[in-house]
C-alpha atoms as a PDB file:
ATOM      1  CA  MET A   1     205.338 330.082  11.483  1.00  0.00           C
ATOM      2  CA  PRO A   2     208.448 328.264  12.769  1.00  0.00           C
ATOM      3  CA  ASN A   3     210.822 330.075  15.062  1.00  0.00           C
ATOM      4  CA  LEU A   4     213.739 331.027  12.842  1.00  0.00           C
ATOM      5  CA  LEU A   5     215.502 333.288  15.311  1.00  0.00           C
ATOM      6  CA  LEU A   6     218.938 332.412  16.528  1.00  0.00           C
ATOM      7  CA  SER A   7     218.231 333.611  20.068  1.00  0.00           C
ATOM      8  CA  ARG A   8     215.509 335.160  22.184  1.00  0.00           C
ATOM      9  CA  ALA A   9     215.287 338.444  24.028  1.00  0.00           C
ATOM     10  CA  VAL A  10     213.561 340.085  26.953  1.00  0.00           C
ATOM     11  CA  PRO A  11     211.304 343.077  26.158  1.00  0.00           C
ATOM     12  CA  THR A  12     212.613 346.490  27.097  1.00  0.00           C
ATOM     13  CA  ALA A  13     210.977 349.826  27.807  1.00  0.00           C
ATOM     14  CA  PRO A  14     210.642 352.371  24.965  1.00  0.00           C
ATOM     15  CA  TYR A  15     213.676 354.503  24.197  1.00  0.00           C
ATOM     16  CA  ARG A  16     213.826 358.292  24.249  1.00  0.00           C
ATOM     17  CA  ASP A  17     213.529 360.002  20.870  1.00  0.00           C
ATOM     18  CA  ASP A  18     217.101 361.269  21.003  1.00  0.00           C
ATOM     19  CA  GLU A  19     218.443 357.744  21.628  1.00  0.00           C
ATOM     20  CA  ILE A  20     216.368 356.361  18.738  1.00  0.00           C
ATOM     21  CA  ARG A  21     217.745 359.043  16.411  1.00  0.00           C
ATOM     22  CA  ARG A  22     221.304 358.407  17.602  1.00  0.00           C
ATOM     23  CA  ARG A  23     221.045 354.713  16.761  1.00  0.00           C
ATOM     24  CA  LEU A  24     219.394 355.332  13.399  1.00  0.00           C
ATOM     25  CA  ASP A  25     221.985 357.927  12.439  1.00  0.00           C
ATOM     26  CA  ALA A  26     224.690 355.318  13.100  1.00  0.00           C
ATOM     27  CA  CYS A  27     223.268 352.939  10.476  1.00  0.00           C
ATOM     28  CA  PRO A  28     225.253 352.608   7.219  1.00  0.00           C
ATOM     29  CA  LYS A  29     224.242 354.710   4.238  1.00  0.00           C
ATOM     30  CA  LEU A  30     222.654 353.208   1.138  1.00  0.00           C
ATOM     31  CA  ALA A  31     224.336 354.322  -2.070  1.00  0.00           C
ATOM     32  CA  SER A  32     221.750 352.758  -4.398  1.00  0.00           C
ATOM     33  CA  LEU A  33     218.900 354.866  -3.081  1.00  0.00           C
ATOM     34  CA  GLN A  34     220.340 357.922  -4.809  1.00  0.00           C
ATOM     35  CA  SER A  35     221.433 356.219  -8.034  1.00  0.00           C
ATOM     36  CA  ILE A  36     219.852 352.929  -9.056  1.00  0.00           C
ATOM     37  CA  ASN A  37     221.801 351.314 -11.863  1.00  0.00           C
ATOM     38  CA  GLN A  38     221.556 354.428 -13.994  1.00  0.00           C
ATOM     39  CA  ALA A  39     223.023 353.018 -17.190  1.00  0.00           C
ATOM     40  CA  LEU A  40     220.660 350.068 -17.284  1.00  0.00           C
ATOM     41  CA  THR A  41     217.655 352.137 -16.226  1.00  0.00           C
ATOM     42  CA  SER A  42     218.188 354.655 -19.038  1.00  0.00           C
ATOM     43  CA  LEU A  43     218.533 351.862 -21.580  1.00  0.00           C
ATOM     44  CA  VAL A  44     215.423 349.917 -20.622  1.00  0.00           C
ATOM     45  CA  ASN A  45     213.417 353.141 -20.630  1.00  0.00           C
ATOM     46  CA  SER A  46     214.543 354.025 -24.153  1.00  0.00           C
ATOM     47  CA  GLU A  47     212.497 352.853 -27.115  1.00  0.00           C
ATOM     48  CA  GLN A  48     215.640 352.813 -29.280  1.00  0.00           C
ATOM     49  CA  SER A  49     217.586 350.441 -27.018  1.00  0.00           C
ATOM     50  CA  LEU A  50     218.738 347.142 -28.483  1.00  0.00           C
ATOM     51  CA  THR A  51     218.563 343.884 -26.552  1.00  0.00           C
ATOM     52  CA  SER A  52     222.311 343.466 -27.141  1.00  0.00           C
ATOM     53  CA  GLN A  53     223.026 346.826 -25.452  1.00  0.00           C
ATOM     54  CA  ILE A  54     220.956 345.898 -22.412  1.00  0.00           C
ATOM     55  CA  ALA A  55     222.601 342.481 -22.259  1.00  0.00           C
ATOM     56  CA  ASP A  56     226.079 344.044 -22.309  1.00  0.00           C
ATOM     57  CA  ILE A  57     225.287 346.113 -19.211  1.00  0.00           C
ATOM     58  CA  ILE A  58     223.704 343.200 -17.357  1.00  0.00           C
ATOM     59  CA  ARG A  59     226.743 341.008 -18.049  1.00  0.00           C
ATOM     60  CA  ARG A  60     228.923 343.487 -16.146  1.00  0.00           C
ATOM     61  CA  ASP A  61     226.980 342.809 -12.959  1.00  0.00           C
ATOM     62  CA  PRO A  62     227.313 339.188 -11.731  1.00  0.00           C
ATOM     63  CA  SER A  63     224.497 339.553  -9.183  1.00  0.00           C
ATOM     64  CA  LEU A  64     222.112 341.045 -11.720  1.00  0.00           C
ATOM     65  CA  SER A  65     223.003 338.374 -14.279  1.00  0.00           C
ATOM     66  CA  ALA A  66     222.390 335.592 -11.792  1.00  0.00           C
ATOM     67  CA  ARG A  67     219.039 337.028 -10.743  1.00  0.00           C
ATOM     68  CA  LEU A  68     217.985 337.468 -14.375  1.00  0.00           C
ATOM     69  CA  LEU A  69     218.721 333.854 -15.302  1.00  0.00           C
ATOM     70  CA  ARG A  70     217.170 332.524 -12.102  1.00  0.00           C
ATOM     71  CA  MET A  71     214.063 334.578 -12.742  1.00  0.00           C
ATOM     72  CA  VAL A  72     213.556 333.545 -16.372  1.00  0.00           C
ATOM     73  CA  ASN A  73     214.050 329.861 -15.580  1.00  0.00           C
ATOM     74  CA  SER A  74     211.554 330.111 -12.713  1.00  0.00           C
ATOM     75  CA  VAL A  75     208.883 331.884 -14.747  1.00  0.00           C
ATOM     76  CA  TYR A  76     209.379 329.731 -17.853  1.00  0.00           C
ATOM     77  CA  PHE A  77     210.043 326.460 -16.075  1.00  0.00           C
ATOM     78  CA  GLY A  78     208.122 324.545 -18.761  1.00  0.00           C
ATOM     79  CA  LEU A  79     210.739 325.121 -21.440  1.00  0.00           C
ATOM     80  CA  SER A  80     212.556 322.039 -22.718  1.00  0.00           C
ATOM     81  CA  ALA A  81     215.947 323.433 -21.640  1.00  0.00           C
ATOM     82  CA  ASN A  82     217.173 326.043 -19.196  1.00  0.00           C
ATOM     83  CA  ILE A  83     217.970 329.486 -20.548  1.00  0.00           C
ATOM     84  CA  ASN A  84     221.610 330.407 -19.966  1.00  0.00           C
ATOM     85  CA  ASN A  85     221.940 333.285 -22.422  1.00  0.00           C
ATOM     86  CA  ILE A  86     221.354 336.856 -21.225  1.00  0.00           C
ATOM     87  CA  GLU A  87     219.841 338.051 -24.515  1.00  0.00           C
ATOM     88  CA  GLU A  88     217.442 335.099 -24.616  1.00  0.00           C
ATOM     89  CA  ALA A  89     216.426 335.828 -21.036  1.00  0.00           C
ATOM     90  CA  ILE A  90     215.676 339.460 -21.934  1.00  0.00           C
ATOM     91  CA  PHE A  91     213.603 338.294 -24.908  1.00  0.00           C
ATOM     92  CA  PHE A  92     211.468 335.965 -22.793  1.00  0.00           C
ATOM     93  CA  LEU A  93     210.977 338.322 -19.855  1.00  0.00           C
ATOM     94  CA  GLY A  94     210.559 341.629 -21.670  1.00  0.00           C
ATOM     95  CA  LEU A  95     211.743 345.090 -20.679  1.00  0.00           C
ATOM     96  CA  ARG A  96     209.119 345.509 -17.975  1.00  0.00           C
ATOM     97  CA  GLN A  97     210.522 342.630 -15.942  1.00  0.00           C
ATOM     98  CA  ILE A  98     214.066 343.843 -16.575  1.00  0.00           C
ATOM     99  CA  ARG A  99     213.123 347.228 -15.145  1.00  0.00           C
ATOM    100  CA  GLU A 100     211.852 345.538 -11.990  1.00  0.00           C
ATOM    101  CA  LEU A 101     215.027 343.515 -11.707  1.00  0.00           C
ATOM    102  CA  SER A 102     217.323 346.508 -12.227  1.00  0.00           C
ATOM    103  CA  ARG A 103     215.494 348.481  -9.540  1.00  0.00           C
ATOM    104  CA  ALA A 104     215.451 345.723  -6.969  1.00  0.00           C
ATOM    105  CA  THR A 105     218.916 344.204  -7.223  1.00  0.00           C
ATOM    106  CA  PRO A 106     221.171 347.120  -6.159  1.00  0.00           C
ATOM    107  CA  VAL A 107     218.847 348.168  -3.360  1.00  0.00           C
ATOM    108  CA  ILE A 108     218.699 344.650  -1.955  1.00  0.00           C
ATOM    109  CA  GLU A 109     222.482 344.369  -2.096  1.00  0.00           C
ATOM    110  CA  ASP A 110     222.902 347.630  -0.202  1.00  0.00           C
ATOM    111  CA  LEU A 111     220.353 346.696   2.437  1.00  0.00           C
ATOM    112  CA  GLU A 112     221.961 343.307   2.927  1.00  0.00           C
ATOM    113  CA  LYS A 113     225.081 345.122   4.108  1.00  0.00           C
ATOM    114  CA  ILE A 114     223.268 346.387   7.196  1.00  0.00           C
ATOM    115  CA  GLN A 115     221.153 343.359   8.021  1.00  0.00           C
ATOM    116  CA  SER A 116     221.935 341.680  11.330  1.00  0.00           C
ATOM    117  CA  ALA A 117     223.698 338.309  11.484  1.00  0.00           C
ATOM    118  CA  ARG A 118     221.528 337.452  14.506  1.00  0.00           C
ATOM    119  CA  PHE A 119     218.622 336.433  12.287  1.00  0.00           C
ATOM    120  CA  ALA A 120     218.296 333.330  10.155  1.00  0.00           C
ATOM    121  CA  PRO A 121     218.603 333.715   6.336  1.00  0.00           C
ATOM    122  CA  GLU A 122     215.037 332.467   5.833  1.00  0.00           C
ATOM    123  CA  LEU A 123     213.731 335.600   7.520  1.00  0.00           C
ATOM    124  CA  TRP A 124     215.645 337.876   5.162  1.00  0.00           C
ATOM    125  CA  LYS A 125     214.477 335.964   2.097  1.00  0.00           C
ATOM    126  CA  SER A 126     210.889 336.244   3.309  1.00  0.00           C
ATOM    127  CA  LEU A 127     211.327 339.988   3.809  1.00  0.00           C
ATOM    128  CA  TRP A 128     212.779 340.520   0.317  1.00  0.00           C
ATOM    129  CA  THR A 129     210.115 338.400  -1.362  1.00  0.00           C
ATOM    130  CA  HIS A 130     207.380 340.350   0.403  1.00  0.00           C
ATOM    131  CA  SER A 131     209.004 343.700  -0.426  1.00  0.00           C
ATOM    132  CA  ILE A 132     209.453 342.968  -4.134  1.00  0.00           C
ATOM    133  CA  GLY A 133     205.921 341.607  -4.388  1.00  0.00           C
ATOM    134  CA  THR A 134     204.623 344.776  -2.761  1.00  0.00           C
ATOM    135  CA  ALA A 135     206.686 346.862  -5.200  1.00  0.00           C
ATOM    136  CA  ILE A 136     205.222 345.081  -8.234  1.00  0.00           C
ATOM    137  CA  LEU A 137     201.660 345.469  -6.962  1.00  0.00           C
ATOM    138  CA  THR A 138     202.177 349.089  -5.896  1.00  0.00           C
ATOM    139  CA  ARG A 139     203.248 349.910  -9.433  1.00  0.00           C
ATOM    140  CA  GLU A 140     200.175 348.121 -10.818  1.00  0.00           C
ATOM    141  CA  ILE A 141     197.861 349.991  -8.463  1.00  0.00           C
ATOM    142  CA  LEU A 142     199.357 353.416  -9.137  1.00  0.00           C
ATOM    143  CA  GLY A 143     199.156 352.725 -12.865  1.00  0.00           C
ATOM    144  CA  SER A 144     195.380 353.079 -12.574  1.00  0.00           C
ATOM    145  CA  ALA A 145     195.467 356.098 -10.221  1.00  0.00           C
ATOM    146  CA  PRO A 146     194.828 359.673 -11.419  1.00  0.00           C
ATOM    147  CA  ILE A 147     198.490 360.669 -11.065  1.00  0.00           C
ATOM    148  CA  THR A 148     201.499 360.618 -13.358  1.00  0.00           C
ATOM    149  CA  VAL A 149     204.625 358.729 -12.314  1.00  0.00           C
ATOM    150  CA  ASP A 150     207.503 359.169 -14.760  1.00  0.00           C
ATOM    151  CA  ASP A 151     210.325 357.557 -12.779  1.00  0.00           C
ATOM    152  CA  GLU A 152     210.876 354.617 -10.413  1.00  0.00           C
ATOM    153  CA  THR A 153     208.900 356.098  -7.501  1.00  0.00           C
ATOM    154  CA  ASP A 154     205.929 353.764  -7.958  1.00  0.00           C
ATOM    155  CA  TYR A 155     208.201 350.729  -7.616  1.00  0.00           C
ATOM    156  CA  LEU A 156     210.550 352.094  -4.953  1.00  0.00           C
ATOM    157  CA  VAL A 157     207.844 353.017  -2.451  1.00  0.00           C
ATOM    158  CA  GLY A 158     206.708 349.395  -2.389  1.00  0.00           C
ATOM    159  CA  LEU A 159     210.234 348.015  -2.330  1.00  0.00           C
ATOM    160  CA  LEU A 160     211.238 350.231   0.600  1.00  0.00           C
ATOM    161  CA  HIS A 161     208.079 350.188   2.709  1.00  0.00           C
ATOM    162  CA  ASN A 162     209.608 347.773   5.241  1.00  0.00           C
ATOM    163  CA  LEU A 163     213.022 349.414   5.259  1.00  0.00           C
ATOM    164  CA  GLY A 164     212.402 350.285   8.914  1.00  0.00           C
ATOM    165  CA  LYS A 165     212.473 346.602   9.838  1.00  0.00           C
ATOM    166  CA  ILE A 166     215.963 346.251   8.404  1.00  0.00           C
ATOM    167  CA  ILE A 167     217.068 349.320  10.340  1.00  0.00           C
ATOM    168  CA  ILE A 168     215.517 347.859  13.505  1.00  0.00           C
ATOM    169  CA  ALA A 169     217.497 344.647  12.954  1.00  0.00           C
ATOM    170  CA  HIS A 170     220.662 346.749  12.975  1.00  0.00           C
ATOM    171  CA  ALA A 171     219.800 349.280  15.687  1.00  0.00           C
ATOM    172  CA  PHE A 172     217.416 347.343  17.963  1.00  0.00           C
ATOM    173  CA  PRO A 173     218.109 343.619  17.404  1.00  0.00           C
ATOM    174  CA  GLU A 174     216.931 342.443  20.827  1.00  0.00           C
ATOM    175  CA  GLU A 175     213.588 344.181  20.427  1.00  0.00           C
ATOM    176  CA  LEU A 176     213.161 342.752  16.931  1.00  0.00           C
ATOM    177  CA  MET A 177     213.662 339.253  18.300  1.00  0.00           C
ATOM    178  CA  THR A 178     210.805 339.836  20.707  1.00  0.00           C
ATOM    179  CA  ILE A 179     208.599 341.279  17.948  1.00  0.00           C
ATOM    180  CA  ALA A 180     209.279 338.318  15.669  1.00  0.00           C
ATOM    181  CA  ASN A 181     208.334 335.857  18.410  1.00  0.00           C
ATOM    182  CA  THR A 182     205.054 337.583  19.370  1.00  0.00           C
ATOM    183  CA  PRO A 183     201.859 336.494  17.542  1.00  0.00           C
ATOM    184  CA  VAL A 184     199.596 339.362  16.428  1.00  0.00           C
ATOM    185  CA  ARG A 185     196.384 339.606  14.428  1.00  0.00           C
ATOM    186  CA  THR A 186     197.081 342.451  12.014  1.00  0.00           C
ATOM    187  CA  PRO A 187     199.953 344.524  10.554  1.00  0.00           C
ATOM    188  CA  ALA A 188     198.684 347.427  12.682  1.00  0.00           C
ATOM    189  CA  GLU A 189     199.330 345.383  15.824  1.00  0.00           C
ATOM    190  CA  VAL A 190     202.935 344.862  14.699  1.00  0.00           C
ATOM    191  CA  CYS A 191     203.341 348.638  14.722  1.00  0.00           C
ATOM    192  CA  ASP A 192     201.714 348.845  18.181  1.00  0.00           C
ATOM    193  CA  LEU A 193     204.220 346.308  19.504  1.00  0.00           C
ATOM    194  CA  GLU A 194     207.161 348.138  17.914  1.00  0.00           C
ATOM    195  CA  ARG A 195     206.115 351.404  19.532  1.00  0.00           C
ATOM    196  CA  LYS A 196     205.716 349.647  22.870  1.00  0.00           C
ATOM    197  CA  LEU A 197     209.213 348.142  22.752  1.00  0.00           C
ATOM    198  CA  ILE A 198     211.172 350.820  20.896  1.00  0.00           C
ATOM    199  CA  GLY A 199     209.133 354.004  20.905  1.00  0.00           C
ATOM    200  CA  TRP A 200     208.826 354.296  17.106  1.00  0.00           C
ATOM    201  CA  ASP A 201     207.353 351.768  14.671  1.00  0.00           C
ATOM    202  CA  HIS A 202     209.111 350.547  11.512  1.00  0.00           C
ATOM    203  CA  ALA A 203     207.185 353.007   9.321  1.00  0.00           C
ATOM    204  CA  GLN A 204     208.379 356.021  11.294  1.00  0.00           C
ATOM    205  CA  ILE A 205     211.909 354.624  11.458  1.00  0.00           C
ATOM    206  CA  GLY A 206     212.003 353.972   7.703  1.00  0.00           C
ATOM    207  CA  GLY A 207     210.597 357.406   6.908  1.00  0.00           C
ATOM    208  CA  TYR A 208     213.127 359.117   9.175  1.00  0.00           C
ATOM    209  CA  TYR A 209     216.024 357.185   7.615  1.00  0.00           C
ATOM    210  CA  LEU A 210     214.961 358.024   4.057  1.00  0.00           C
ATOM    211  CA  GLU A 211     214.444 361.687   4.909  1.00  0.00           C
ATOM    212  CA  ARG A 212     217.950 361.809   6.380  1.00  0.00           C
ATOM    213  CA  HIS A 213     219.209 360.440   3.069  1.00  0.00           C
ATOM    214  CA  HIS A 214     217.372 363.195   1.199  1.00  0.00           C
ATOM    215  CA  LEU A 215     214.938 360.978  -0.677  1.00  0.00           C
ATOM    216  CA  LYS A 216     212.081 362.861  -2.257  1.00  0.00           C
ATOM    217  CA  GLU A 217     208.855 363.530  -0.423  1.00  0.00           C
ATOM    218  CA  GLU A 218     206.740 360.949  -2.245  1.00  0.00           C
ATOM    219  CA  ILE A 219     208.994 358.113  -1.093  1.00  0.00           C
ATOM    220  CA  VAL A 220     209.442 359.404   2.467  1.00  0.00           C
ATOM    221  CA  PHE A 221     205.704 359.910   3.000  1.00  0.00           C
ATOM    222  CA  ALA A 222     204.761 356.585   1.379  1.00  0.00           C
ATOM    223  CA  VAL A 223     207.074 354.689   3.735  1.00  0.00           C
ATOM    224  CA  ARG A 224     206.204 356.793   6.790  1.00  0.00           C
ATOM    225  CA  TYR A 225     202.434 356.500   6.344  1.00  0.00           C
ATOM    226  CA  HIS A 226     201.961 353.188   4.539  1.00  0.00           C
ATOM    227  CA  ASN A 227     199.999 351.768   7.476  1.00  0.00           C
ATOM    228  CA  GLN A 228     197.894 354.935   7.862  1.00  0.00           C
ATOM    229  CA  PRO A 229     197.801 356.667   4.463  1.00  0.00           C
ATOM    230  CA  GLU A 230     194.950 358.915   5.553  1.00  0.00           C
ATOM    231  CA  HIS A 231     197.407 360.658   7.900  1.00  0.00           C
ATOM    232  CA  ALA A 232     199.873 361.573   5.160  1.00  0.00           C
ATOM    233  CA  PRO A 233     199.888 365.372   4.813  1.00  0.00           C
ATOM    234  CA  ARG A 234     200.473 365.067   1.060  1.00  0.00           C
ATOM    235  CA  GLN A 235     201.048 362.393  -1.606  1.00  0.00           C
ATOM    236  CA  GLN A 236     198.415 360.087  -0.121  1.00  0.00           C
ATOM    237  CA  TYR A 237     198.063 358.002  -3.283  1.00  0.00           C
ATOM    238  CA  PHE A 238     201.548 356.538  -2.858  1.00  0.00           C
ATOM    239  CA  ALA A 239     201.015 355.525   0.775  1.00  0.00           C
ATOM    240  CA  ALA A 240     197.537 354.193  -0.051  1.00  0.00           C
ATOM    241  CA  ALA A 241     198.849 352.015  -2.879  1.00  0.00           C
ATOM    242  CA  VAL A 242     201.539 350.543  -0.624  1.00  0.00           C
ATOM    243  CA  GLN A 243     199.009 349.734   2.105  1.00  0.00           C
ATOM    244  CA  VAL A 244     196.752 347.869  -0.322  1.00  0.00           C
ATOM    245  CA  ALA A 245     199.665 346.109  -2.026  1.00  0.00           C
ATOM    246  CA  ASP A 246     201.031 344.984   1.347  1.00  0.00           C
ATOM    247  CA  TYR A 247     197.701 343.322   2.216  1.00  0.00           C
ATOM    248  CA  LEU A 248     197.416 341.667  -1.191  1.00  0.00           C
ATOM    249  CA  VAL A 249     200.881 340.151  -0.921  1.00  0.00           C
ATOM    250  CA  ARG A 250     200.125 338.894   2.582  1.00  0.00           C
ATOM    251  CA  HIS A 251     196.916 337.336   1.282  1.00  0.00           C
ATOM    252  CA  ILE A 252     198.830 335.007  -1.055  1.00  0.00           C
ATOM    253  CA  GLY A 253     201.030 333.893   1.833  1.00  0.00           C
ATOM    254  CA  LEU A 254     204.037 336.183   1.468  1.00  0.00           C
ATOM    255  CA  ALA A 255     204.524 337.582   4.961  1.00  0.00           C
ATOM    256  CA  SER A 256     207.378 339.982   5.634  1.00  0.00           C
ATOM    257  CA  GLY A 257     209.519 337.701   7.742  1.00  0.00           C
ATOM    258  CA  PHE A 258     209.995 339.526  11.026  1.00  0.00           C
ATOM    259  CA  GLU A 259     206.512 339.076  12.436  1.00  0.00           C
ATOM    260  CA  ARG A 260     203.821 336.515  13.156  1.00  0.00           C
ATOM    261  CA  VAL A 261     200.660 338.031  11.681  1.00  0.00           C
ATOM    262  CA  GLU A 262     197.499 336.060  10.997  1.00  0.00           C
ATOM    263  CA  PRO A 263     196.659 335.463   7.290  1.00  0.00           C
ATOM    264  CA  VAL A 264     194.877 338.272   5.462  1.00  0.00           C
ATOM    265  CA  ILE A 265     191.286 337.430   4.558  1.00  0.00           C
ATOM    266  CA  GLU A 266     190.239 337.831   0.919  1.00  0.00           C
ATOM    267  CA  GLU A 267     188.731 341.223   0.052  1.00  0.00           C
ATOM    268  CA  SER A 268     189.689 342.654   3.465  1.00  0.00           C
ATOM    269  CA  TRP A 269     191.868 345.189   1.632  1.00  0.00           C
ATOM    270  CA  THR A 270     188.723 346.834   0.231  1.00  0.00           C
ATOM    271  CA  THR A 271     187.932 348.069   3.751  1.00  0.00           C
ATOM    272  CA  LEU A 272     191.306 349.775   4.170  1.00  0.00           C
ATOM    273  CA  SER A 273     191.666 353.539   4.217  1.00  0.00           C
ATOM    274  CA  GLY A 274     194.107 353.175   1.322  1.00  0.00           C
ATOM    275  CA  TRP A 275     191.497 351.488  -0.872  1.00  0.00           C
ATOM    276  CA  LYS A 276     189.034 354.295  -0.176  1.00  0.00           C
ATOM    277  CA  ILE A 277     191.663 356.921  -1.011  1.00  0.00           C
ATOM    278  CA  LEU A 278     192.408 355.193  -4.299  1.00  0.00           C
ATOM    279  CA  TYR A 279     188.901 354.252  -5.437  1.00  0.00           C
ATOM    280  CA  GLY A 280     186.492 356.201  -3.237  1.00  0.00           C
ATOM    281  CA  GLN A 281     182.868 355.106  -3.463  1.00  0.00           C
ATOM    282  CA  ASP A 282     183.004 354.337  -7.192  1.00  0.00           C
ATOM    283  CA  GLN A 283     181.794 350.729  -7.343  1.00  0.00           C
ATOM    284  CA  THR A 284     182.616 350.346 -11.027  1.00  0.00           C
ATOM    285  CA  GLU A 285     186.200 351.532 -10.584  1.00  0.00           C
ATOM    286  CA  SER A 286     186.578 349.347  -7.513  1.00  0.00           C
ATOM    287  CA  LYS A 287     185.306 346.289  -9.414  1.00  0.00           C
ATOM    288  CA  ILE A 288     187.715 346.889 -12.291  1.00  0.00           C
ATOM    289  CA  ALA A 289     190.593 347.288  -9.828  1.00  0.00           C
ATOM    290  CA  ARG A 290     189.747 344.033  -8.055  1.00  0.00           C
ATOM    291  CA  ALA A 291     189.692 342.101 -11.340  1.00  0.00           C
ATOM    292  CA  SER A 292     192.995 343.580 -12.506  1.00  0.00           C
ATOM    293  CA  LEU A 293     194.742 342.900  -9.205  1.00  0.00           C
ATOM    294  CA  ALA A 294     193.419 339.328  -9.133  1.00  0.00           C
ATOM    295  CA  ASN A 295     195.136 338.649 -12.464  1.00  0.00           C
ATOM    296  CA  THR A 296     198.401 340.112 -11.198  1.00  0.00           C
ATOM    297  CA  LEU A 297     198.237 338.024  -8.022  1.00  0.00           C
ATOM    298  CA  GLN A 298     197.973 334.843 -10.073  1.00  0.00           C
ATOM    299  CA  ARG A 299     201.247 335.623 -11.872  1.00  0.00           C
ATOM    300  CA  LEU A 300     203.100 336.996  -8.880  1.00  0.00           C
ATOM    301  CA  PRO A 301     204.423 333.811  -7.214  1.00  0.00           C
ATOM    302  CA  ALA A 302     206.144 332.638 -10.424  1.00  0.00           C
ATOM    303  CA  THR A 303     207.697 336.068 -10.963  1.00  0.00           C
ATOM    304  CA  LEU A 304     208.951 336.327  -7.386  1.00  0.00           C
ATOM    305  CA  SER A 305     210.412 332.829  -7.275  1.00  0.00           C
ATOM    306  CA  GLY A 306     213.286 333.952  -9.488  1.00  0.00           C
ATOM    307  CA  LEU A 307     213.930 337.370  -8.004  1.00  0.00           C
ATOM    308  CA  VAL A 308     215.137 336.609  -4.494  1.00  0.00           C
END
């Protein structure tokens, strides 16, 4: 991976817990975490909604409109002409893709407000691509789990799992530069390095930040324990799904930007604690899950190319 950092840093000793909390508490708040495009979300979740109604709401948001058109022209690049009409774009993509777009766009815009200018834009794009890919796969995985998710939680836990890295960029930029320039073998080793330099890893930092913003337990625990879902005191399915989704996205070459982790080997995710939490020892269920996820992975790059 090329060095995309704008400067380098010297490692520091870990900080005290009170200093870590002080820096995290100083980070800007994220309005979209409490209310994610409510008007659009209610429309796309309603069976009575008309495409024209959804299009009217999307047109009011320039960023959302741009992402929608970029996405449809990336996914359907074989069409004879580009699609420049919002209603046509909705028709081609379908409500499921619109839901994903409406969930991702406002959160990304809020998080971009606190990202550090010290890091090259390519790193942020890599982070967003990885996060949205993880969100899509987390939703797919939880769709087959023995739980009921009737809101955006299944998507948000994947989208926000690396929130801690964005907070680190704001609160501990020098340490993040060192982390991003240090080769490691696994995502777990990234966390080891973060704890060595800062005292907390990005999962703990993200979980703390979300808890301070009064996000519900499922989201806080999924982010806090996504690298070790077996340690989650409750709601293990959410953390487990994020862990597996994170590995799958890495496998197709979508790293999360601020790290230099070796490529994920195929099928290595079936040895994770998260996979065992989700599928146990049931070989039939595990086989069905692998086949379903393989199909999703094939479509993922085209979907993501228009989202970020």
